[in-house]
Amino acid sequence: MTKSMDKTLVLAGDIGGTKTNLGLFLKGKERPVPKVIETFSSQNAPDLEHIIRQFLETHKMSVTHACFGVAGPVVNGKSKTTNLPWNISEDRIKKEFNFHRVKLVNDLTATAMAIPLLNQDQFFPLNQAGSIKDRNLALIAPGTGLGKAMLIYQNGRYLPVPSEGGHADFAPNSEAETELWRYLNQHYGHVSIERVVSGSGLVNIYNWLKDSGRLNEPEWLRQRLKEIDPAKAVTDAALVDKDPGCTSTLNMFVSILGAVAGNLALTAMTTGGVYLGGGIPAKILPKLKEDIFMEAFTNKGRFKGFLEKIPVKVILNDKAALIGAAYCAAML
């Protein structure tokens, strides 16, 4: 590879419902090397082009290849974002900015692509199972929504498989979860896993506990829920055991997340490991370290022993999707 190729910059993006990260990366020997990364509010921009324009006006560097991880399904180089009113198109971005190649991938696909590139200190293991090299991996990421992806190992490399499994049916595992399902069914009709395992899902669990008379909401918490993001208010109180209702909410959330992660491990035979990404897991790490998550993960009857051998890790690098998108852009 020539020296000039080594200096080629690629543009990478991680487009979420709340925020958009853009970065310029050098290809690097083992993994993309970030030169500059900036975060923008997705909600305040009319479209992705607006943010790219702002970014490139500030960082005037020559870019020919770009890849964007998008929170939504990507079909034929186009994506209508799930939690944003944006329509994103590879062709439109390519024309507007005169790029040679532009690729849109699902944001979870981008995060999954980063997993083999990250160092071990960028993961927190939730169990003692050893990683087996060159086996299938799975990623589950609760944040604004719930994302899933798989990396299938074939012919010496990982093939990312996108998924919209977050919108599959929520399957209750107990009497209480069945009642939660009924409550959500009355509110939404179809109850997807995302309605339970996401930021808004956490609030749904809390509201069900409250509306069904299972918890008493103290006055300080009522105020706090009005002042800040309700999911954060509930989580903060739960992590310091300040309110039993919030603790019950987070316990149930973590148990359902564990069950859903276990289902994904079985579906894709991910003996290489299951990884937790997205905005929530790193923030609730103290709760994930308790037994609740792993007990639900392995609670699969005759396949309990099989699941106990699968390593489960939390991704600690919050720029994983951006690194995966940069890797994808460099591969173009």
C-alpha atoms as a PDB file:
ATOM      1  CA  MET A   1       0.000   0.000   0.000  1.00  0.00           C
ATOM      2  CA  THR A   2       1.387   3.413  -0.952  1.00  0.00           C
ATOM      3  CA  LYS A   3       1.987   6.087   1.625  1.00  0.00           C
ATOM      4  CA  SER A   4      -0.634   8.386   0.086  1.00  0.00           C
ATOM      5  CA  MET A   5      -3.272   5.636   0.493  1.00  0.00           C
ATOM      6  CA  ASP A   6      -2.426   5.437   4.199  1.00  0.00           C
ATOM      7  CA  LYS A   7      -3.237   9.140   4.519  1.00  0.00           C
ATOM      8  CA  THR A   8      -6.654   8.843   2.885  1.00  0.00           C
ATOM      9  CA  LEU A   9      -9.430  10.064   5.155  1.00  0.00           C
ATOM     10  CA  VAL A  10     -12.854   8.458   5.239  1.00  0.00           C
ATOM     11  CA  LEU A  11     -16.039   9.977   6.652  1.00  0.00           C
ATOM     12  CA  ALA A  12     -18.020   7.846   9.114  1.00  0.00           C
ATOM     13  CA  GLY A  13     -21.364   8.528  10.754  1.00  0.00           C
ATOM     14  CA  ASP A  14     -23.486   7.004  13.509  1.00  0.00           C
ATOM     15  CA  ILE A  15     -27.006   8.353  13.075  1.00  0.00           C
ATOM     16  CA  GLY A  16     -29.254   7.849  16.113  1.00  0.00           C
ATOM     17  CA  GLY A  17     -32.696   9.132  17.057  1.00  0.00           C
ATOM     18  CA  THR A  18     -31.177  11.462  19.647  1.00  0.00           C
ATOM     19  CA  LYS A  19     -27.680  12.296  18.416  1.00  0.00           C
ATOM     20  CA  THR A  20     -25.505  11.941  15.339  1.00  0.00           C
ATOM     21  CA  ASN A  21     -21.750  11.324  15.602  1.00  0.00           C
ATOM     22  CA  LEU A  22     -19.588  12.150  12.586  1.00  0.00           C
ATOM     23  CA  GLY A  23     -15.890  11.429  12.337  1.00  0.00           C
ATOM     24  CA  LEU A  24     -12.942  11.572   9.956  1.00  0.00           C
ATOM     25  CA  PHE A  25     -10.700   8.503  10.171  1.00  0.00           C
ATOM     26  CA  LEU A  26      -7.425   7.291   8.708  1.00  0.00           C
ATOM     27  CA  LYS A  27      -7.523   3.692   7.495  1.00  0.00           C
ATOM     28  CA  GLY A  28      -4.930   2.422  10.047  1.00  0.00           C
ATOM     29  CA  LYS A  29      -3.197  -0.978  10.048  1.00  0.00           C
ATOM     30  CA  GLU A  30      -5.492  -2.881  12.415  1.00  0.00           C
ATOM     31  CA  ARG A  31      -8.417  -0.509  12.938  1.00  0.00           C
ATOM     32  CA  PRO A  32      -9.526   2.946  11.763  1.00  0.00           C
ATOM     33  CA  VAL A  33      -7.729   5.821  13.519  1.00  0.00           C
ATOM     34  CA  PRO A  34      -9.942   8.817  14.456  1.00  0.00           C
ATOM     35  CA  LYS A  35      -8.662  12.282  13.477  1.00  0.00           C
ATOM     36  CA  VAL A  36     -11.735  14.271  14.515  1.00  0.00           C
ATOM     37  CA  ILE A  37     -15.146  13.299  15.965  1.00  0.00           C
ATOM     38  CA  GLU A  38     -18.095  15.606  16.559  1.00  0.00           C
ATOM     39  CA  THR A  39     -21.552  15.082  18.020  1.00  0.00           C
ATOM     40  CA  PHE A  40     -24.691  16.829  16.719  1.00  0.00           C
ATOM     41  CA  SER A  41     -28.318  16.837  17.872  1.00  0.00           C
ATOM     42  CA  SER A  42     -30.332  14.764  15.393  1.00  0.00           C
ATOM     43  CA  GLN A  43     -33.603  16.351  16.534  1.00  0.00           C
ATOM     44  CA  ASN A  44     -32.467  19.883  15.630  1.00  0.00           C
ATOM     45  CA  ALA A  45     -31.486  19.068  12.027  1.00  0.00           C
ATOM     46  CA  PRO A  46     -33.895  18.827   9.066  1.00  0.00           C
ATOM     47  CA  ASP A  47     -31.845  16.019   7.461  1.00  0.00           C
ATOM     48  CA  LEU A  48     -28.479  14.260   7.500  1.00  0.00           C
ATOM     49  CA  GLU A  49     -27.048  16.410   4.680  1.00  0.00           C
ATOM     50  CA  HIS A  50     -27.452  19.476   6.889  1.00  0.00           C
ATOM     51  CA  ILE A  51     -25.209  17.896   9.558  1.00  0.00           C
ATOM     52  CA  ILE A  52     -22.617  16.635   7.042  1.00  0.00           C
ATOM     53  CA  ARG A  53     -22.430  20.122   5.506  1.00  0.00           C
ATOM     54  CA  GLN A  54     -21.853  21.719   8.925  1.00  0.00           C
ATOM     55  CA  PHE A  55     -19.175  19.149   9.759  1.00  0.00           C
ATOM     56  CA  LEU A  56     -17.270  19.487   6.480  1.00  0.00           C
ATOM     57  CA  GLU A  57     -17.395  23.291   6.613  1.00  0.00           C
ATOM     58  CA  THR A  58     -15.629  23.146   9.988  1.00  0.00           C
ATOM     59  CA  HIS A  59     -13.168  20.414   8.961  1.00  0.00           C
ATOM     60  CA  LYS A  60     -12.126  21.265   5.434  1.00  0.00           C
ATOM     61  CA  MET A  61     -10.486  18.003   4.379  1.00  0.00           C
ATOM     62  CA  SER A  62     -10.674  15.992   1.191  1.00  0.00           C
ATOM     63  CA  VAL A  63     -13.017  13.005   1.541  1.00  0.00           C
ATOM     64  CA  THR A  64     -14.048  10.552  -1.194  1.00  0.00           C
ATOM     65  CA  HIS A  65     -15.542   7.606   0.730  1.00  0.00           C
ATOM     66  CA  ALA A  66     -18.212   7.603   3.429  1.00  0.00           C
ATOM     67  CA  CYS A  67     -20.280   5.122   5.401  1.00  0.00           C
ATOM     68  CA  PHE A  68     -23.149   5.878   7.767  1.00  0.00           C
ATOM     69  CA  GLY A  69     -24.691   3.615  10.382  1.00  0.00           C
ATOM     70  CA  VAL A  70     -28.385   4.477  10.483  1.00  0.00           C
ATOM     71  CA  ALA A  71     -30.974   3.709  13.189  1.00  0.00           C
ATOM     72  CA  GLY A  72     -33.467   2.065  10.835  1.00  0.00           C
ATOM     73  CA  PRO A  73     -33.713  -0.530   8.072  1.00  0.00           C
ATOM     74  CA  VAL A  74     -31.590   0.058   4.957  1.00  0.00           C
ATOM     75  CA  VAL A  75     -33.092  -1.124   1.652  1.00  0.00           C
ATOM     76  CA  ASN A  76     -31.464  -0.494  -1.750  1.00  0.00           C
ATOM     77  CA  GLY A  77     -29.237   2.272  -0.429  1.00  0.00           C
ATOM     78  CA  LYS A  78     -32.107   4.144   1.225  1.00  0.00           C
ATOM     79  CA  SER A  79     -33.328   4.397   4.807  1.00  0.00           C
ATOM     80  CA  LYS A  80     -36.280   5.989   6.528  1.00  0.00           C
ATOM     81  CA  THR A  81     -35.043   6.422  10.087  1.00  0.00           C
ATOM     82  CA  THR A  82     -37.257   4.763  12.727  1.00  0.00           C
ATOM     83  CA  ASN A  83     -37.153   7.492  15.389  1.00  0.00           C
ATOM     84  CA  LEU A  84     -36.498  10.531  13.136  1.00  0.00           C
ATOM     85  CA  PRO A  85     -38.453  12.060  10.225  1.00  0.00           C
ATOM     86  CA  TRP A  86     -35.483  11.627   7.857  1.00  0.00           C
ATOM     87  CA  ASN A  87     -35.182   9.902   4.504  1.00  0.00           C
ATOM     88  CA  ILE A  88     -31.530   9.113   3.808  1.00  0.00           C
ATOM     89  CA  SER A  89     -30.201   8.141   0.384  1.00  0.00           C
ATOM     90  CA  GLU A  90     -26.706   7.004  -0.664  1.00  0.00           C
ATOM     91  CA  ASP A  91     -27.145   8.548  -4.129  1.00  0.00           C
ATOM     92  CA  ARG A  92     -28.288  11.911  -2.813  1.00  0.00           C
ATOM     93  CA  ILE A  93     -25.368  12.225  -0.383  1.00  0.00           C
ATOM     94  CA  LYS A  94     -22.931  11.049  -3.069  1.00  0.00           C
ATOM     95  CA  LYS A  95     -24.161  13.702  -5.540  1.00  0.00           C
ATOM     96  CA  GLU A  96     -24.402  16.565  -3.052  1.00  0.00           C
ATOM     97  CA  PHE A  97     -20.881  16.121  -1.643  1.00  0.00           C
ATOM     98  CA  ASN A  98     -19.226  14.700  -4.742  1.00  0.00           C
ATOM     99  CA  PHE A  99     -18.110  11.510  -2.971  1.00  0.00           C
ATOM    100  CA  HIS A 100     -16.904   8.483  -4.982  1.00  0.00           C
ATOM    101  CA  ARG A 101     -18.620   5.899  -2.797  1.00  0.00           C
ATOM    102  CA  VAL A 102     -21.278   6.164  -0.069  1.00  0.00           C
ATOM    103  CA  LYS A 103     -22.704   3.246   1.896  1.00  0.00           C
ATOM    104  CA  LEU A 104     -25.612   3.145   4.333  1.00  0.00           C
ATOM    105  CA  VAL A 105     -25.739   0.280   6.837  1.00  0.00           C
ATOM    106  CA  ASN A 106     -27.972  -0.333   9.823  1.00  0.00           C
ATOM    107  CA  ASP A 107     -26.378   1.218  12.922  1.00  0.00           C
ATOM    108  CA  LEU A 108     -26.285  -2.160  14.657  1.00  0.00           C
ATOM    109  CA  THR A 109     -24.506  -3.659  11.658  1.00  0.00           C
ATOM    110  CA  ALA A 110     -21.906  -0.883  12.038  1.00  0.00           C
ATOM    111  CA  THR A 111     -21.510  -1.622  15.769  1.00  0.00           C
ATOM    112  CA  ALA A 112     -21.250  -5.365  15.080  1.00  0.00           C
ATOM    113  CA  MET A 113     -18.483  -4.719  12.520  1.00  0.00           C
ATOM    114  CA  ALA A 114     -16.504  -2.923  15.244  1.00  0.00           C
ATOM    115  CA  ILE A 115     -16.590  -5.830  17.751  1.00  0.00           C
ATOM    116  CA  PRO A 116     -13.604  -7.759  16.288  1.00  0.00           C
ATOM    117  CA  LEU A 117     -11.647  -4.457  16.082  1.00  0.00           C
ATOM    118  CA  LEU A 118     -12.009  -3.409  19.732  1.00  0.00           C
ATOM    119  CA  ASN A 119      -9.439  -4.165  22.444  1.00  0.00           C
ATOM    120  CA  GLN A 120     -10.385  -6.465  25.346  1.00  0.00           C
ATOM    121  CA  ASP A 121     -10.308  -3.533  27.805  1.00  0.00           C
ATOM    122  CA  GLN A 122     -13.228  -2.021  25.857  1.00  0.00           C
ATOM    123  CA  PHE A 123     -15.523  -4.841  27.043  1.00  0.00           C
ATOM    124  CA  PHE A 124     -16.852  -5.765  30.477  1.00  0.00           C
ATOM    125  CA  PRO A 125     -17.508  -9.538  30.875  1.00  0.00           C
ATOM    126  CA  LEU A 126     -20.759 -10.499  32.647  1.00  0.00           C
ATOM    127  CA  ASN A 127     -19.760 -14.166  33.015  1.00  0.00           C
ATOM    128  CA  GLN A 128     -16.611 -16.284  33.081  1.00  0.00           C
ATOM    129  CA  ALA A 129     -17.169 -18.185  29.814  1.00  0.00           C
ATOM    130  CA  GLY A 130     -14.121 -18.041  27.554  1.00  0.00           C
ATOM    131  CA  SER A 131     -14.359 -16.542  24.064  1.00  0.00           C
ATOM    132  CA  ILE A 132     -14.009 -18.995  21.191  1.00  0.00           C
ATOM    133  CA  LYS A 133     -12.365 -17.470  18.134  1.00  0.00           C
ATOM    134  CA  ASP A 134     -13.932 -17.581  14.679  1.00  0.00           C
ATOM    135  CA  ARG A 135     -17.484 -18.370  15.812  1.00  0.00           C
ATOM    136  CA  ASN A 136     -20.740 -16.465  15.313  1.00  0.00           C
ATOM    137  CA  LEU A 137     -21.310 -13.339  17.434  1.00  0.00           C
ATOM    138  CA  ALA A 138     -24.513 -11.478  18.354  1.00  0.00           C
ATOM    139  CA  LEU A 139     -25.141  -7.895  19.362  1.00  0.00           C
ATOM    140  CA  ILE A 140     -28.143  -6.561  21.266  1.00  0.00           C
ATOM    141  CA  ALA A 141     -28.378  -2.830  21.918  1.00  0.00           C
ATOM    142  CA  PRO A 142     -31.076  -1.135  23.985  1.00  0.00           C
ATOM    143  CA  GLY A 143     -31.064   2.669  23.725  1.00  0.00           C
ATOM    144  CA  THR A 144     -33.659   5.009  22.188  1.00  0.00           C
ATOM    145  CA  GLY A 145     -34.929   1.827  20.486  1.00  0.00           C
ATOM    146  CA  LEU A 146     -33.764  -1.799  20.541  1.00  0.00           C
ATOM    147  CA  GLY A 147     -31.305  -2.985  17.921  1.00  0.00           C
ATOM    148  CA  LYS A 148     -29.978  -6.444  17.116  1.00  0.00           C
ATOM    149  CA  ALA A 149     -27.364  -7.725  14.679  1.00  0.00           C
ATOM    150  CA  MET A 150     -25.278 -10.818  14.084  1.00  0.00           C
ATOM    151  CA  LEU A 151     -21.798 -11.516  12.770  1.00  0.00           C
ATOM    152  CA  ILE A 152     -21.727 -14.880  11.023  1.00  0.00           C
ATOM    153  CA  TYR A 153     -18.231 -16.345  10.634  1.00  0.00           C
ATOM    154  CA  GLN A 154     -17.638 -17.818   7.196  1.00  0.00           C
ATOM    155  CA  ASN A 155     -14.589 -18.484   5.025  1.00  0.00           C
ATOM    156  CA  GLY A 156     -12.168 -16.702   7.343  1.00  0.00           C
ATOM    157  CA  ARG A 157     -14.170 -13.527   7.919  1.00  0.00           C
ATOM    158  CA  TYR A 158     -17.199 -12.125   9.689  1.00  0.00           C
ATOM    159  CA  LEU A 159     -20.283 -11.347   7.621  1.00  0.00           C
ATOM    160  CA  PRO A 160     -22.580  -8.792   9.301  1.00  0.00           C
ATOM    161  CA  VAL A 161     -26.270  -9.713   9.220  1.00  0.00           C
ATOM    162  CA  PRO A 162     -28.665  -6.814   9.890  1.00  0.00           C
ATOM    163  CA  SER A 163     -31.840  -7.410  11.855  1.00  0.00           C
ATOM    164  CA  GLU A 164     -35.037  -5.647  12.847  1.00  0.00           C
ATOM    165  CA  GLY A 165     -35.557  -8.210  15.625  1.00  0.00           C
ATOM    166  CA  GLY A 166     -36.311  -5.426  18.113  1.00  0.00           C
ATOM    167  CA  HIS A 167     -39.754  -5.230  16.504  1.00  0.00           C
ATOM    168  CA  ALA A 168     -40.455  -8.955  16.951  1.00  0.00           C
ATOM    169  CA  ASP A 169     -43.064  -9.995  19.548  1.00  0.00           C
ATOM    170  CA  PHE A 170     -42.376  -9.597  23.248  1.00  0.00           C
ATOM    171  CA  ALA A 171     -42.732 -13.046  24.851  1.00  0.00           C
ATOM    172  CA  PRO A 172     -43.636 -12.912  28.575  1.00  0.00           C
ATOM    173  CA  ASN A 173     -41.855 -15.399  30.859  1.00  0.00           C
ATOM    174  CA  SER A 174     -43.874 -15.027  34.078  1.00  0.00           C
ATOM    175  CA  GLU A 175     -47.304 -14.102  35.386  1.00  0.00           C
ATOM    176  CA  ALA A 176     -46.153 -10.512  36.033  1.00  0.00           C
ATOM    177  CA  GLU A 177     -44.699 -10.168  32.521  1.00  0.00           C
ATOM    178  CA  THR A 178     -47.972 -11.527  31.092  1.00  0.00           C
ATOM    179  CA  GLU A 179     -49.841  -8.750  32.900  1.00  0.00           C
ATOM    180  CA  LEU A 180     -47.309  -6.221  31.581  1.00  0.00           C
ATOM    181  CA  TRP A 181     -47.967  -7.580  28.066  1.00  0.00           C
ATOM    182  CA  ARG A 182     -51.747  -7.118  28.543  1.00  0.00           C
ATOM    183  CA  TYR A 183     -51.242  -3.527  29.730  1.00  0.00           C
ATOM    184  CA  LEU A 184     -49.047  -2.684  26.722  1.00  0.00           C
ATOM    185  CA  ASN A 185     -51.376  -4.499  24.330  1.00  0.00           C
ATOM    186  CA  GLN A 186     -54.200  -2.190  25.453  1.00  0.00           C
ATOM    187  CA  HIS A 187     -51.958   0.848  24.812  1.00  0.00           C
ATOM    188  CA  TYR A 188     -50.208  -0.129  21.574  1.00  0.00           C
ATOM    189  CA  GLY A 189     -51.905  -3.140  20.029  1.00  0.00           C
ATOM    190  CA  HIS A 190     -48.828  -5.045  18.876  1.00  0.00           C
ATOM    191  CA  VAL A 191     -46.287  -5.392  21.711  1.00  0.00           C
ATOM    192  CA  SER A 192     -42.776  -5.517  20.283  1.00  0.00           C
ATOM    193  CA  ILE A 193     -39.680  -6.236  22.388  1.00  0.00           C
ATOM    194  CA  GLU A 194     -38.688  -2.579  21.829  1.00  0.00           C
ATOM    195  CA  ARG A 195     -41.799  -1.493  23.780  1.00  0.00           C
ATOM    196  CA  VAL A 196     -40.215  -3.122  26.852  1.00  0.00           C
ATOM    197  CA  VAL A 197     -36.439  -3.191  26.281  1.00  0.00           C
ATOM    198  CA  SER A 198     -35.475   0.418  25.432  1.00  0.00           C
ATOM    199  CA  GLY A 199     -35.473   3.811  27.165  1.00  0.00           C
ATOM    200  CA  SER A 200     -39.201   4.236  26.582  1.00  0.00           C
ATOM    201  CA  GLY A 201     -39.658   0.531  27.439  1.00  0.00           C
ATOM    202  CA  LEU A 202     -38.193   1.126  30.897  1.00  0.00           C
ATOM    203  CA  VAL A 203     -40.743   3.931  31.384  1.00  0.00           C
ATOM    204  CA  ASN A 204     -43.521   1.596  30.139  1.00  0.00           C
ATOM    205  CA  ILE A 205     -42.564  -0.952  32.835  1.00  0.00           C
ATOM    206  CA  TYR A 206     -42.553   1.785  35.497  1.00  0.00           C
ATOM    207  CA  ASN A 207     -45.964   3.114  34.379  1.00  0.00           C
ATOM    208  CA  TRP A 208     -47.453  -0.391  34.454  1.00  0.00           C
ATOM    209  CA  LEU A 209     -46.139  -0.976  38.001  1.00  0.00           C
ATOM    210  CA  LYS A 210     -47.605   2.383  39.030  1.00  0.00           C
ATOM    211  CA  ASP A 211     -50.973   2.048  37.247  1.00  0.00           C
ATOM    212  CA  SER A 212     -51.476  -1.496  38.571  1.00  0.00           C
ATOM    213  CA  GLY A 213     -50.920  -0.289  42.141  1.00  0.00           C
ATOM    214  CA  ARG A 214     -47.668  -2.224  42.600  1.00  0.00           C
ATOM    215  CA  LEU A 215     -45.693   0.867  43.602  1.00  0.00           C
ATOM    216  CA  ASN A 216     -46.229   4.159  45.400  1.00  0.00           C
ATOM    217  CA  GLU A 217     -44.671   7.160  43.701  1.00  0.00           C
ATOM    218  CA  PRO A 218     -43.061   9.539  46.223  1.00  0.00           C
ATOM    219  CA  GLU A 219     -43.427  13.294  45.646  1.00  0.00           C
ATOM    220  CA  TRP A 220     -39.682  13.889  45.009  1.00  0.00           C
ATOM    221  CA  LEU A 221     -39.755  11.274  42.241  1.00  0.00           C
ATOM    222  CA  ARG A 222     -42.904  12.737  40.684  1.00  0.00           C
ATOM    223  CA  GLN A 223     -41.038  16.060  40.379  1.00  0.00           C
ATOM    224  CA  ARG A 224     -37.888  14.393  39.084  1.00  0.00           C
ATOM    225  CA  LEU A 225     -39.848  12.556  36.361  1.00  0.00           C
ATOM    226  CA  LYS A 226     -41.111  15.947  35.128  1.00  0.00           C
ATOM    227  CA  GLU A 227     -37.706  17.652  35.232  1.00  0.00           C
ATOM    228  CA  ILE A 228     -35.497  15.149  33.382  1.00  0.00           C
ATOM    229  CA  ASP A 229     -35.767  12.212  30.976  1.00  0.00           C
ATOM    230  CA  PRO A 230     -38.056   9.775  32.893  1.00  0.00           C
ATOM    231  CA  ALA A 231     -35.908   6.734  31.982  1.00  0.00           C
ATOM    232  CA  LYS A 232     -32.873   8.456  33.516  1.00  0.00           C
ATOM    233  CA  ALA A 233     -34.842   9.464  36.624  1.00  0.00           C
ATOM    234  CA  VAL A 234     -35.986   5.867  37.211  1.00  0.00           C
ATOM    235  CA  THR A 235     -32.529   4.399  36.480  1.00  0.00           C
ATOM    236  CA  ASP A 236     -30.677   6.875  38.714  1.00  0.00           C
ATOM    237  CA  ALA A 237     -32.992   6.134  41.655  1.00  0.00           C
ATOM    238  CA  ALA A 238     -32.774   2.358  41.069  1.00  0.00           C
ATOM    239  CA  LEU A 239     -28.967   2.249  40.926  1.00  0.00           C
ATOM    240  CA  VAL A 240     -28.659   3.766  44.413  1.00  0.00           C
ATOM    241  CA  ASP A 241     -31.730   1.894  45.774  1.00  0.00           C
ATOM    242  CA  LYS A 242     -33.399   5.209  46.531  1.00  0.00           C
ATOM    243  CA  ASP A 243     -36.879   4.005  45.605  1.00  0.00           C
ATOM    244  CA  PRO A 244     -38.217   0.403  45.686  1.00  0.00           C
ATOM    245  CA  GLY A 245     -40.536   1.015  42.702  1.00  0.00           C
ATOM    246  CA  CYS A 246     -37.618   2.168  40.546  1.00  0.00           C
ATOM    247  CA  THR A 247     -35.530  -0.804  41.692  1.00  0.00           C
ATOM    248  CA  SER A 248     -38.373  -3.211  40.742  1.00  0.00           C
ATOM    249  CA  THR A 249     -38.641  -1.491  37.347  1.00  0.00           C
ATOM    250  CA  LEU A 250     -34.932  -1.860  36.558  1.00  0.00           C
ATOM    251  CA  ASN A 251     -34.831  -5.457  37.837  1.00  0.00           C
ATOM    252  CA  MET A 252     -37.683  -6.413  35.499  1.00  0.00           C
ATOM    253  CA  PHE A 253     -36.066  -4.544  32.591  1.00  0.00           C
ATOM    254  CA  VAL A 254     -32.745  -6.364  33.117  1.00  0.00           C
ATOM    255  CA  SER A 255     -34.443  -9.759  33.437  1.00  0.00           C
ATOM    256  CA  ILE A 256     -36.361  -9.295  30.163  1.00  0.00           C
ATOM    257  CA  LEU A 257     -33.198  -8.024  28.435  1.00  0.00           C
ATOM    258  CA  GLY A 258     -31.399 -11.195  29.607  1.00  0.00           C
ATOM    259  CA  ALA A 259     -34.156 -13.438  28.248  1.00  0.00           C
ATOM    260  CA  VAL A 260     -34.167 -11.624  24.889  1.00  0.00           C
ATOM    261  CA  ALA A 261     -30.343 -11.846  24.654  1.00  0.00           C
ATOM    262  CA  GLY A 262     -30.545 -15.587  25.371  1.00  0.00           C
ATOM    263  CA  ASN A 263     -33.111 -16.004  22.577  1.00  0.00           C
ATOM    264  CA  LEU A 264     -30.778 -14.233  20.153  1.00  0.00           C
ATOM    265  CA  ALA A 265     -27.865 -16.479  21.192  1.00  0.00           C
ATOM    266  CA  LEU A 266     -29.985 -19.561  20.412  1.00  0.00           C
ATOM    267  CA  THR A 267     -31.301 -18.138  17.132  1.00  0.00           C
ATOM    268  CA  ALA A 268     -27.858 -17.443  15.657  1.00  0.00           C
ATOM    269  CA  MET A 269     -25.859 -20.110  17.578  1.00  0.00           C
ATOM    270  CA  THR A 270     -23.522 -17.367  18.760  1.00  0.00           C
ATOM    271  CA  THR A 271     -20.918 -19.523  20.511  1.00  0.00           C
ATOM    272  CA  GLY A 272     -18.371 -16.721  19.928  1.00  0.00           C
ATOM    273  CA  GLY A 273     -20.226 -14.411  22.306  1.00  0.00           C
ATOM    274  CA  VAL A 274     -23.154 -12.091  22.892  1.00  0.00           C
ATOM    275  CA  TYR A 275     -22.349  -8.381  23.152  1.00  0.00           C
ATOM    276  CA  LEU A 276     -24.464  -5.650  24.743  1.00  0.00           C
ATOM    277  CA  GLY A 277     -24.250  -2.257  23.052  1.00  0.00           C
ATOM    278  CA  GLY A 278     -26.454   0.821  22.772  1.00  0.00           C
ATOM    279  CA  GLY A 279     -26.779   3.661  25.258  1.00  0.00           C
ATOM    280  CA  ILE A 280     -28.248   1.773  28.225  1.00  0.00           C
ATOM    281  CA  PRO A 281     -26.036  -1.240  29.210  1.00  0.00           C
ATOM    282  CA  ALA A 282     -22.881   0.737  30.109  1.00  0.00           C
ATOM    283  CA  LYS A 283     -25.023   3.072  32.257  1.00  0.00           C
ATOM    284  CA  ILE A 284     -26.632   0.212  34.215  1.00  0.00           C
ATOM    285  CA  LEU A 285     -23.482  -1.902  34.561  1.00  0.00           C
ATOM    286  CA  PRO A 286     -23.810  -2.253  38.379  1.00  0.00           C
ATOM    287  CA  LYS A 287     -27.251  -3.834  37.854  1.00  0.00           C
ATOM    288  CA  LEU A 288     -26.047  -6.074  35.005  1.00  0.00           C
ATOM    289  CA  LYS A 289     -23.283  -7.391  37.294  1.00  0.00           C
ATOM    290  CA  GLU A 290     -25.969  -8.815  39.617  1.00  0.00           C
ATOM    291  CA  ASP A 291     -27.329 -12.321  38.903  1.00  0.00           C
ATOM    292  CA  ILE A 292     -30.652 -11.163  37.382  1.00  0.00           C
ATOM    293  CA  PHE A 293     -29.387 -10.764  33.796  1.00  0.00           C
ATOM    294  CA  MET A 294     -27.359 -13.993  33.525  1.00  0.00           C
ATOM    295  CA  GLU A 295     -30.080 -16.051  35.239  1.00  0.00           C
ATOM    296  CA  ALA A 296     -32.626 -14.906  32.635  1.00  0.00           C
ATOM    297  CA  PHE A 297     -30.065 -15.362  29.820  1.00  0.00           C
ATOM    298  CA  THR A 298     -29.449 -19.033  30.675  1.00  0.00           C
ATOM    299  CA  ASN A 299     -33.044 -19.869  31.708  1.00  0.00           C
ATOM    300  CA  LYS A 300     -33.793 -21.890  28.567  1.00  0.00           C
ATOM    301  CA  GLY A 301     -34.692 -25.336  29.924  1.00  0.00           C
ATOM    302  CA  ARG A 302     -32.604 -28.062  28.307  1.00  0.00           C
ATOM    303  CA  PHE A 303     -30.283 -25.477  26.728  1.00  0.00           C
ATOM    304  CA  LYS A 304     -29.197 -23.905  30.028  1.00  0.00           C
ATOM    305  CA  GLY A 305     -25.789 -25.657  29.881  1.00  0.00           C
ATOM    306  CA  PHE A 306     -25.261 -24.542  26.275  1.00  0.00           C
ATOM    307  CA  LEU A 307     -25.919 -20.897  27.146  1.00  0.00           C
ATOM    308  CA  GLU A 308     -23.675 -20.996  30.230  1.00  0.00           C
ATOM    309  CA  LYS A 309     -20.707 -21.591  27.896  1.00  0.00           C
ATOM    310  CA  ILE A 310     -21.395 -18.445  25.821  1.00  0.00           C
ATOM    311  CA  PRO A 311     -19.399 -15.355  26.841  1.00  0.00           C
ATOM    312  CA  VAL A 312     -21.524 -12.245  27.435  1.00  0.00           C
ATOM    313  CA  LYS A 313     -19.847  -8.829  27.374  1.00  0.00           C
ATOM    314  CA  VAL A 314     -20.877  -5.191  27.611  1.00  0.00           C
ATOM    315  CA  ILE A 315     -19.283  -2.857  25.039  1.00  0.00           C
ATOM    316  CA  LEU A 316     -17.742   0.075  26.923  1.00  0.00           C
ATOM    317  CA  ASN A 317     -16.652   2.094  23.868  1.00  0.00           C
ATOM    318  CA  ASP A 318     -19.548   4.449  23.031  1.00  0.00           C
ATOM    319  CA  LYS A 319     -18.050   5.140  19.575  1.00  0.00           C
ATOM    320  CA  ALA A 320     -18.204   1.496  18.445  1.00  0.00           C
ATOM    321  CA  ALA A 321     -20.810   2.183  15.717  1.00  0.00           C
ATOM    322  CA  LEU A 322     -18.650   5.013  14.380  1.00  0.00           C
ATOM    323  CA  ILE A 323     -15.545   2.770  14.297  1.00  0.00           C
ATOM    324  CA  GLY A 324     -17.544   0.084  12.452  1.00  0.00           C
ATOM    325  CA  ALA A 325     -18.818   2.651   9.914  1.00  0.00           C
ATOM    326  CA  ALA A 326     -15.242   3.945   9.429  1.00  0.00           C
ATOM    327  CA  TYR A 327     -14.042   0.369   8.825  1.00  0.00           C
ATOM    328  CA  CYS A 328     -16.841  -0.092   6.288  1.00  0.00           C
ATOM    329  CA  ALA A 329     -15.904   3.193   4.519  1.00  0.00           C
ATOM    330  CA  ALA A 330     -12.230   2.149   4.416  1.00  0.00           C
ATOM    331  CA  MET A 331     -13.253  -1.201   2.870  1.00  0.00           C
ATOM    332  CA  LEU A 332     -15.090   0.627   0.055  1.00  0.00           C
END
